[in-house]
Amino acid sequence: MTIKKLLKIIIWPAILLSLWYIIPHQLNKQEKSPYIEYISYVNEIREAFAAQILNDQHLICVGDSGKMHEKVEEMGLQFKANRRATVEEARALQLHVMNKLVEAVNTHPKLQPFLAERPFTHKHVTISISFEDSNGSHADGIAWIHNIPDSAGAVENRNKLFYYTLDPYTGKLTDLFDEPYDKAFELVQASLPMKLEKSYPFK
């Protein structure tokens, strides 16, 4: 028997034995990863929160997002409002929904051990709201508002709200302006209770 044949006889069983051992153990590790443990709690929050915001603010949830590995680092939801909004209304609504999501995360007892930061704050949630009807975005007022969390790659964009309007000629979204979360918070607080309707509570 040649050395080449002998090596084949020795090596292939060793490879097969390694695969038999490694693959099941890797799958077992994945099954026990923190993500598998906490994703059901995250989905509970998403579903309950979407239903709450639909009932309270008539916003339709159209998507979700997040940054989740060993811990829950970020959680986000996208909504559609079938109505127009001024800058002031959009700002107040954005902050209200962000605040409510933070509250929902911090009051879910089973999720607490899996949070990257406790308590969870506005820096770790993302909310997006588009204002449109069956014909698309409105050419007057705000067409879309969203925030960027603390983990943004571009430092200058972190913890800011971004506002967009619709260009009536091109039909495309156009940057309107952006502002830091803290400034938006101060503006909303200063406008209460005279300028905001009861449908836009904020705390």
C-alpha atoms as a PDB file:
ATOM      1  CA  MET A   1       0.000   0.000   0.000  1.00  0.00           C
ATOM      2  CA  THR A   2       1.358   3.386  -0.984  1.00  0.00           C
ATOM      3  CA  ILE A   3       1.741   6.282   1.409  1.00  0.00           C
ATOM      4  CA  LYS A   4      -0.832   8.265  -0.619  1.00  0.00           C
ATOM      5  CA  LYS A   5      -3.497   5.573  -0.159  1.00  0.00           C
ATOM      6  CA  LEU A   6      -2.644   5.229   3.500  1.00  0.00           C
ATOM      7  CA  LEU A   7      -3.078   8.958   4.052  1.00  0.00           C
ATOM      8  CA  LYS A   8      -6.495   8.846   2.367  1.00  0.00           C
ATOM      9  CA  ILE A   9      -7.574   6.040   4.661  1.00  0.00           C
ATOM     10  CA  ILE A  10      -6.456   8.000   7.721  1.00  0.00           C
ATOM     11  CA  ILE A  11      -7.476  11.550   6.733  1.00  0.00           C
ATOM     12  CA  TRP A  12     -11.015  11.054   5.403  1.00  0.00           C
ATOM     13  CA  PRO A  13     -12.382   9.309   8.494  1.00  0.00           C
ATOM     14  CA  ALA A  14     -10.786  12.046  10.597  1.00  0.00           C
ATOM     15  CA  ILE A  15     -12.484  14.754   8.507  1.00  0.00           C
ATOM     16  CA  LEU A  16     -15.859  13.027   8.705  1.00  0.00           C
ATOM     17  CA  LEU A  17     -15.497  12.579  12.447  1.00  0.00           C
ATOM     18  CA  SER A  18     -14.658  16.268  12.860  1.00  0.00           C
ATOM     19  CA  LEU A  19     -17.710  17.331  10.838  1.00  0.00           C
ATOM     20  CA  TRP A  20     -19.913  15.001  12.841  1.00  0.00           C
ATOM     21  CA  TYR A  21     -18.683  16.663  16.035  1.00  0.00           C
ATOM     22  CA  ILE A  22     -18.407  20.324  14.967  1.00  0.00           C
ATOM     23  CA  ILE A  23     -21.677  20.874  13.048  1.00  0.00           C
ATOM     24  CA  PRO A  24     -24.096  19.688  15.763  1.00  0.00           C
ATOM     25  CA  HIS A  25     -22.177  21.626  18.393  1.00  0.00           C
ATOM     26  CA  GLN A  26     -22.252  24.815  16.324  1.00  0.00           C
ATOM     27  CA  LEU A  27     -25.990  24.430  15.762  1.00  0.00           C
ATOM     28  CA  ASN A  28     -26.465  23.840  19.455  1.00  0.00           C
ATOM     29  CA  LYS A  29     -24.532  27.032  20.252  1.00  0.00           C
ATOM     30  CA  GLN A  30     -26.737  29.004  17.851  1.00  0.00           C
ATOM     31  CA  GLU A  31     -29.867  27.624  19.474  1.00  0.00           C
ATOM     32  CA  LYS A  32     -28.640  28.870  22.829  1.00  0.00           C
ATOM     33  CA  SER A  33     -27.606  32.340  21.629  1.00  0.00           C
ATOM     34  CA  PRO A  34     -29.132  35.306  23.509  1.00  0.00           C
ATOM     35  CA  TYR A  35     -30.937  36.401  20.318  1.00  0.00           C
ATOM     36  CA  ILE A  36     -32.972  33.194  20.306  1.00  0.00           C
ATOM     37  CA  GLU A  37     -33.908  33.825  23.930  1.00  0.00           C
ATOM     38  CA  TYR A  38     -35.028  37.439  23.617  1.00  0.00           C
ATOM     39  CA  ILE A  39     -36.437  37.799  20.083  1.00  0.00           C
ATOM     40  CA  SER A  40     -39.870  36.578  21.206  1.00  0.00           C
ATOM     41  CA  TYR A  41     -39.986  39.394  23.786  1.00  0.00           C
ATOM     42  CA  VAL A  42     -38.967  41.929  21.135  1.00  0.00           C
ATOM     43  CA  ASN A  43     -41.770  40.728  18.866  1.00  0.00           C
ATOM     44  CA  GLU A  44     -44.243  40.975  21.745  1.00  0.00           C
ATOM     45  CA  ILE A  45     -43.292  44.624  22.213  1.00  0.00           C
ATOM     46  CA  ARG A  46     -43.466  45.371  18.485  1.00  0.00           C
ATOM     47  CA  GLU A  47     -46.916  43.856  18.045  1.00  0.00           C
ATOM     48  CA  ALA A  48     -48.429  45.411  21.171  1.00  0.00           C
ATOM     49  CA  PHE A  49     -46.849  48.795  20.475  1.00  0.00           C
ATOM     50  CA  ALA A  50     -48.031  48.877  16.850  1.00  0.00           C
ATOM     51  CA  ALA A  51     -51.582  48.119  18.012  1.00  0.00           C
ATOM     52  CA  GLN A  52     -51.399  50.801  20.703  1.00  0.00           C
ATOM     53  CA  ILE A  53     -50.159  53.502  18.319  1.00  0.00           C
ATOM     54  CA  LEU A  54     -52.769  52.553  15.726  1.00  0.00           C
ATOM     55  CA  ASN A  55     -55.473  52.930  18.355  1.00  0.00           C
ATOM     56  CA  ASP A  56     -54.116  56.109  19.977  1.00  0.00           C
ATOM     57  CA  GLN A  57     -52.651  58.028  17.031  1.00  0.00           C
ATOM     58  CA  HIS A  58     -54.096  56.265  13.970  1.00  0.00           C
ATOM     59  CA  LEU A  59     -50.630  55.460  12.672  1.00  0.00           C
ATOM     60  CA  ILE A  60     -50.251  52.294  10.610  1.00  0.00           C
ATOM     61  CA  CYS A  61     -47.124  50.247  11.262  1.00  0.00           C
ATOM     62  CA  VAL A  62     -45.450  49.362   7.956  1.00  0.00           C
ATOM     63  CA  GLY A  63     -42.108  47.941   9.079  1.00  0.00           C
ATOM     64  CA  ASP A  64     -39.604  47.394  11.824  1.00  0.00           C
ATOM     65  CA  SER A  65     -35.864  47.514  12.358  1.00  0.00           C
ATOM     66  CA  GLY A  66     -33.305  46.867  15.040  1.00  0.00           C
ATOM     67  CA  LYS A  67     -29.743  46.180  16.011  1.00  0.00           C
ATOM     68  CA  MET A  68     -29.620  42.996  18.039  1.00  0.00           C
ATOM     69  CA  HIS A  69     -26.696  40.725  18.743  1.00  0.00           C
ATOM     70  CA  GLU A  70     -25.666  39.599  22.200  1.00  0.00           C
ATOM     71  CA  LYS A  71     -27.882  42.413  23.530  1.00  0.00           C
ATOM     72  CA  VAL A  72     -30.752  44.542  22.234  1.00  0.00           C
ATOM     73  CA  GLU A  73     -28.895  47.633  21.073  1.00  0.00           C
ATOM     74  CA  GLU A  74     -31.609  49.357  19.023  1.00  0.00           C
ATOM     75  CA  MET A  75     -35.269  48.939  18.235  1.00  0.00           C
ATOM     76  CA  GLY A  76     -37.257  50.763  15.572  1.00  0.00           C
ATOM     77  CA  LEU A  77     -40.611  50.932  13.811  1.00  0.00           C
ATOM     78  CA  GLN A  78     -41.892  52.658  10.687  1.00  0.00           C
ATOM     79  CA  PHE A  79     -45.368  54.182  10.498  1.00  0.00           C
ATOM     80  CA  LYS A  80     -47.658  55.774   7.929  1.00  0.00           C
ATOM     81  CA  ALA A  81     -50.087  58.556   8.790  1.00  0.00           C
ATOM     82  CA  ASN A  82     -53.009  59.013   6.414  1.00  0.00           C
ATOM     83  CA  ARG A  83     -53.125  62.759   6.958  1.00  0.00           C
ATOM     84  CA  ARG A  84     -51.197  65.987   6.566  1.00  0.00           C
ATOM     85  CA  ALA A  85     -49.021  67.503   9.278  1.00  0.00           C
ATOM     86  CA  THR A  86     -47.259  70.763   9.982  1.00  0.00           C
ATOM     87  CA  VAL A  87     -43.671  70.794  11.192  1.00  0.00           C
ATOM     88  CA  GLU A  88     -44.884  71.346  14.757  1.00  0.00           C
ATOM     89  CA  GLU A  89     -47.359  68.458  14.614  1.00  0.00           C
ATOM     90  CA  ALA A  90     -44.834  66.089  13.060  1.00  0.00           C
ATOM     91  CA  ARG A  91     -42.198  66.980  15.653  1.00  0.00           C
ATOM     92  CA  ALA A  92     -44.577  66.441  18.584  1.00  0.00           C
ATOM     93  CA  LEU A  93     -45.875  63.181  17.140  1.00  0.00           C
ATOM     94  CA  GLN A  94     -42.354  61.881  16.457  1.00  0.00           C
ATOM     95  CA  LEU A  95     -41.184  62.548  19.997  1.00  0.00           C
ATOM     96  CA  HIS A  96     -44.365  61.129  21.488  1.00  0.00           C
ATOM     97  CA  VAL A  97     -43.993  57.834  19.616  1.00  0.00           C
ATOM     98  CA  MET A  98     -40.277  57.636  20.453  1.00  0.00           C
ATOM     99  CA  ASN A  99     -41.086  58.250  24.113  1.00  0.00           C
ATOM    100  CA  LYS A 100     -43.783  55.574  24.133  1.00  0.00           C
ATOM    101  CA  LEU A 101     -41.493  52.988  22.541  1.00  0.00           C
ATOM    102  CA  VAL A 102     -38.813  53.686  25.159  1.00  0.00           C
ATOM    103  CA  GLU A 103     -41.478  53.239  27.829  1.00  0.00           C
ATOM    104  CA  ALA A 104     -42.669  49.955  26.303  1.00  0.00           C
ATOM    105  CA  VAL A 105     -39.130  48.565  26.238  1.00  0.00           C
ATOM    106  CA  ASN A 106     -38.334  49.611  29.801  1.00  0.00           C
ATOM    107  CA  THR A 107     -41.555  48.172  31.234  1.00  0.00           C
ATOM    108  CA  HIS A 108     -41.222  44.719  29.664  1.00  0.00           C
ATOM    109  CA  PRO A 109     -39.818  42.714  32.610  1.00  0.00           C
ATOM    110  CA  LYS A 110     -38.507  39.716  30.657  1.00  0.00           C
ATOM    111  CA  LEU A 111     -36.497  41.851  28.208  1.00  0.00           C
ATOM    112  CA  GLN A 112     -34.545  43.785  30.850  1.00  0.00           C
ATOM    113  CA  PRO A 113     -31.551  41.376  31.142  1.00  0.00           C
ATOM    114  CA  PHE A 114     -31.032  41.579  27.375  1.00  0.00           C
ATOM    115  CA  LEU A 115     -30.859  45.379  27.011  1.00  0.00           C
ATOM    116  CA  ALA A 116     -27.501  46.868  26.024  1.00  0.00           C
ATOM    117  CA  GLU A 117     -28.271  49.888  28.193  1.00  0.00           C
ATOM    118  CA  ARG A 118     -30.612  50.137  31.154  1.00  0.00           C
ATOM    119  CA  PRO A 119     -32.752  52.069  31.155  1.00  0.00           C
ATOM    120  CA  PHE A 120     -33.267  52.192  27.393  1.00  0.00           C
ATOM    121  CA  THR A 121     -33.386  55.788  26.105  1.00  0.00           C
ATOM    122  CA  HIS A 122     -34.321  57.718  22.964  1.00  0.00           C
ATOM    123  CA  LYS A 123     -30.731  57.184  21.793  1.00  0.00           C
ATOM    124  CA  HIS A 124     -31.539  53.546  21.071  1.00  0.00           C
ATOM    125  CA  VAL A 125     -34.891  53.799  19.277  1.00  0.00           C
ATOM    126  CA  THR A 126     -35.678  54.776  15.699  1.00  0.00           C
ATOM    127  CA  ILE A 127     -39.090  55.972  14.556  1.00  0.00           C
ATOM    128  CA  SER A 128     -40.062  56.899  11.028  1.00  0.00           C
ATOM    129  CA  ILE A 129     -43.407  58.482  10.073  1.00  0.00           C
ATOM    130  CA  SER A 130     -44.546  59.229   6.531  1.00  0.00           C
ATOM    131  CA  PHE A 131     -47.528  61.480   5.921  1.00  0.00           C
ATOM    132  CA  GLU A 132     -49.416  60.334   2.852  1.00  0.00           C
ATOM    133  CA  ASP A 133     -52.739  59.116   1.502  1.00  0.00           C
ATOM    134  CA  SER A 134     -53.780  56.875  -1.379  1.00  0.00           C
ATOM    135  CA  ASN A 135     -52.314  59.411  -3.822  1.00  0.00           C
ATOM    136  CA  GLY A 136     -48.908  59.457  -2.137  1.00  0.00           C
ATOM    137  CA  SER A 137     -47.090  62.078  -0.067  1.00  0.00           C
ATOM    138  CA  HIS A 138     -48.514  65.577   0.343  1.00  0.00           C
ATOM    139  CA  ALA A 139     -46.872  68.533  -1.352  1.00  0.00           C
ATOM    140  CA  ASP A 140     -47.669  70.792   1.585  1.00  0.00           C
ATOM    141  CA  GLY A 141     -46.391  70.298   5.115  1.00  0.00           C
ATOM    142  CA  ILE A 142     -44.176  67.381   6.109  1.00  0.00           C
ATOM    143  CA  ALA A 143     -43.884  64.310   3.905  1.00  0.00           C
ATOM    144  CA  TRP A 144     -41.574  62.281   6.147  1.00  0.00           C
ATOM    145  CA  ILE A 145     -39.853  62.559   9.508  1.00  0.00           C
ATOM    146  CA  HIS A 146     -37.439  60.182  11.198  1.00  0.00           C
ATOM    147  CA  ASN A 147     -34.652  60.128  13.755  1.00  0.00           C
ATOM    148  CA  ILE A 148     -31.157  58.685  13.690  1.00  0.00           C
ATOM    149  CA  PRO A 149     -29.889  56.957  16.855  1.00  0.00           C
ATOM    150  CA  ASP A 150     -26.660  57.274  18.779  1.00  0.00           C
ATOM    151  CA  SER A 151     -24.969  54.477  16.813  1.00  0.00           C
ATOM    152  CA  ALA A 152     -24.985  56.321  13.479  1.00  0.00           C
ATOM    153  CA  GLY A 153     -21.755  56.023  11.546  1.00  0.00           C
ATOM    154  CA  ALA A 154     -21.699  59.759  10.845  1.00  0.00           C
ATOM    155  CA  VAL A 155     -21.179  61.458  14.196  1.00  0.00           C
ATOM    156  CA  GLU A 156     -22.840  64.659  12.996  1.00  0.00           C
ATOM    157  CA  ASN A 157     -26.129  62.786  12.390  1.00  0.00           C
ATOM    158  CA  ARG A 158     -26.416  61.130  15.785  1.00  0.00           C
ATOM    159  CA  ASN A 159     -29.510  61.827  17.898  1.00  0.00           C
ATOM    160  CA  LYS A 160     -31.114  64.107  15.343  1.00  0.00           C
ATOM    161  CA  LEU A 161     -34.544  64.428  13.754  1.00  0.00           C
ATOM    162  CA  PHE A 162     -34.718  64.796   9.975  1.00  0.00           C
ATOM    163  CA  TYR A 163     -37.588  66.463   8.125  1.00  0.00           C
ATOM    164  CA  TYR A 164     -38.503  66.061   4.455  1.00  0.00           C
ATOM    165  CA  THR A 165     -41.030  67.662   2.166  1.00  0.00           C
ATOM    166  CA  LEU A 166     -42.253  66.680  -1.292  1.00  0.00           C
ATOM    167  CA  ASP A 167     -41.074  68.560  -4.368  1.00  0.00           C
ATOM    168  CA  PRO A 168     -44.334  69.211  -6.275  1.00  0.00           C
ATOM    169  CA  TYR A 169     -42.497  69.330  -9.603  1.00  0.00           C
ATOM    170  CA  THR A 170     -40.368  66.204  -9.376  1.00  0.00           C
ATOM    171  CA  GLY A 171     -42.486  64.229  -6.907  1.00  0.00           C
ATOM    172  CA  LYS A 172     -39.333  63.390  -4.943  1.00  0.00           C
ATOM    173  CA  LEU A 173     -38.601  63.848  -1.269  1.00  0.00           C
ATOM    174  CA  THR A 174     -36.480  66.898  -0.498  1.00  0.00           C
ATOM    175  CA  ASP A 175     -34.472  67.638   2.633  1.00  0.00           C
ATOM    176  CA  LEU A 176     -36.185  70.318   4.659  1.00  0.00           C
ATOM    177  CA  PHE A 177     -33.985  70.569   7.747  1.00  0.00           C
ATOM    178  CA  ASP A 178     -32.679  68.617  10.701  1.00  0.00           C
ATOM    179  CA  GLU A 179     -32.335  69.381  14.381  1.00  0.00           C
ATOM    180  CA  PRO A 180     -30.868  67.765  17.510  1.00  0.00           C
ATOM    181  CA  TYR A 181     -33.225  65.711  19.646  1.00  0.00           C
ATOM    182  CA  ASP A 182     -32.655  68.034  22.623  1.00  0.00           C
ATOM    183  CA  LYS A 183     -33.712  71.085  20.611  1.00  0.00           C
ATOM    184  CA  ALA A 184     -36.823  69.304  19.337  1.00  0.00           C
ATOM    185  CA  PHE A 185     -37.662  68.308  22.904  1.00  0.00           C
ATOM    186  CA  GLU A 186     -37.368  71.912  24.112  1.00  0.00           C
ATOM    187  CA  LEU A 187     -39.572  73.183  21.271  1.00  0.00           C
ATOM    188  CA  VAL A 188     -42.304  70.656  22.009  1.00  0.00           C
ATOM    189  CA  GLN A 189     -42.181  71.341  25.731  1.00  0.00           C
ATOM    190  CA  ALA A 190     -42.417  75.085  25.105  1.00  0.00           C
ATOM    191  CA  SER A 191     -45.462  74.624  22.869  1.00  0.00           C
ATOM    192  CA  LEU A 192     -47.491  72.740  25.474  1.00  0.00           C
ATOM    193  CA  PRO A 193     -50.314  72.939  26.236  1.00  0.00           C
ATOM    194  CA  MET A 194     -51.585  75.770  24.026  1.00  0.00           C
ATOM    195  CA  LYS A 195     -50.517  74.779  20.505  1.00  0.00           C
ATOM    196  CA  LEU A 196     -50.871  71.012  20.614  1.00  0.00           C
ATOM    197  CA  GLU A 197     -54.141  69.147  20.486  1.00  0.00           C
ATOM    198  CA  LYS A 198     -54.969  66.352  22.902  1.00  0.00           C
ATOM    199  CA  SER A 199     -54.281  63.831  20.147  1.00  0.00           C
ATOM    200  CA  TYR A 200     -50.566  64.638  20.488  1.00  0.00           C
ATOM    201  CA  PRO A 201     -49.774  64.056  24.169  1.00  0.00           C
ATOM    202  CA  PHE A 202     -46.162  64.275  25.219  1.00  0.00           C
ATOM    203  CA  LYS A 203     -44.325  63.650  28.435  1.00  0.00           C
END
